[in-house]
Amino acid sequence: MSYVDPKGFLKGLEFRHFLDTPEEWHAFVNGFCEVLCPWPPRCHCERSEAISGEYHYYMFGRAIGVIAWLIIAKIIQQTFW
């Protein structure tokens, strides 16, 4: 059984660089809003010039949008049933 040092586990990650540019925020918000909004996406963002360089932030925004929908559904379930 191996032991993971809790202080060294995230040592190599630099969270100060997470969403620190407008391009990263743009990709994240586009992904989040495309999931949260019930309308079809405006564009294919994997081919969009503005998002193609930050596609991982776009996909992270989509994942957070799905989690937001799950939370909204649970709130509705608890409120009405």
Protein backbone atom coordinates (compact mmCIF):
# COMPACT_ATOMS: atom_id res chain seq x y z
CA MET A 1 0.00 0.00 0.00
CA SER A 2 1.50 3.31 -1.03
CA TYR A 3 1.11 6.52 0.89
CA VAL A 4 0.47 9.82 -0.90
CA ASP A 5 1.93 12.83 0.81
CA PRO A 6 -0.95 15.35 1.12
CA LYS A 7 1.42 18.30 0.97
CA GLY A 8 3.18 17.07 -2.16
CA PHE A 9 0.14 15.79 -4.05
CA LEU A 10 -0.87 19.15 -5.58
CA LYS A 11 2.56 20.75 -5.33
CA GLY A 12 3.18 20.76 -9.11
CA LEU A 13 -0.12 22.45 -9.95
CA GLU A 14 -0.24 26.22 -10.10
CA PHE A 15 -3.81 27.32 -9.46
CA ARG A 16 -2.95 30.98 -9.86
CA HIS A 17 -2.88 30.34 -13.62
CA PHE A 18 -6.39 28.85 -13.62
CA LEU A 19 -8.80 31.10 -15.57
CA ASP A 20 -6.43 34.07 -15.50
CA THR A 21 -6.87 35.28 -19.09
CA PRO A 22 -9.94 36.61 -20.89
CA GLU A 23 -9.67 33.83 -23.50
CA GLU A 24 -9.92 31.16 -20.79
CA TRP A 25 -12.95 32.86 -19.22
CA HIS A 26 -14.57 33.26 -22.65
CA ALA A 27 -14.19 29.54 -23.39
CA PHE A 28 -15.44 28.56 -19.91
CA VAL A 29 -18.50 30.84 -20.00
CA ASN A 30 -19.41 29.71 -23.53
CA GLY A 31 -19.31 26.07 -22.48
CA PHE A 32 -21.27 26.73 -19.29
CA CYS A 33 -23.97 28.79 -21.00
CA GLU A 34 -24.38 26.34 -23.88
CA VAL A 35 -25.31 23.61 -21.39
CA LEU A 36 -27.37 25.74 -19.01
CA CYS A 37 -29.37 27.42 -21.76
CA PRO A 38 -31.94 25.14 -23.45
CA TRP A 39 -31.24 26.52 -26.95
CA PRO A 40 -28.92 24.79 -29.41
CA PRO A 41 -25.30 26.05 -29.49
CA ARG A 42 -24.60 29.01 -31.75
CA CYS A 43 -21.43 27.56 -33.21
CA HIS A 44 -19.24 24.51 -33.20
CA CYS A 45 -16.77 25.77 -30.65
CA GLU A 46 -14.14 23.14 -31.32
CA ARG A 47 -13.68 24.87 -34.67
CA SER A 48 -14.02 28.41 -33.34
CA GLU A 49 -10.84 30.47 -33.45
CA ALA A 50 -11.61 32.09 -30.09
CA ILE A 51 -12.09 28.80 -28.23
CA SER A 52 -9.88 26.32 -30.07
CA GLY A 53 -6.81 27.27 -28.03
CA GLU A 54 -8.69 26.96 -24.74
CA TYR A 55 -10.92 23.99 -25.59
CA HIS A 56 -10.28 22.32 -22.22
CA TYR A 57 -11.80 25.34 -20.44
CA TYR A 58 -14.79 25.13 -22.79
CA MET A 59 -15.30 21.46 -21.87
CA PHE A 60 -14.81 22.26 -18.16
CA GLY A 61 -17.54 24.92 -18.47
CA ARG A 62 -19.84 22.33 -20.05
CA ALA A 63 -19.16 19.91 -17.19
CA ILE A 64 -19.93 22.57 -14.60
CA GLY A 65 -23.14 23.37 -16.53
CA VAL A 66 -24.23 19.73 -16.24
CA ILE A 67 -23.52 19.79 -12.51
CA ALA A 68 -25.54 23.02 -12.23
CA TRP A 69 -28.49 21.31 -13.99
CA LEU A 70 -28.26 18.38 -11.56
CA ILE A 71 -28.34 20.78 -8.61
CA ILE A 72 -31.30 22.67 -10.11
CA ALA A 73 -33.15 19.38 -10.68
CA LYS A 74 -32.51 18.30 -7.08
CA ILE A 75 -33.77 21.65 -5.76
CA ILE A 76 -36.93 21.31 -7.87
CA GLN A 77 -37.41 17.73 -6.65
CA GLN A 78 -37.02 18.73 -3.00
CA THR A 79 -39.33 21.72 -3.40
CA PHE A 80 -42.23 20.08 -5.23
CA TRP A 81 -42.11 16.38 -4.32
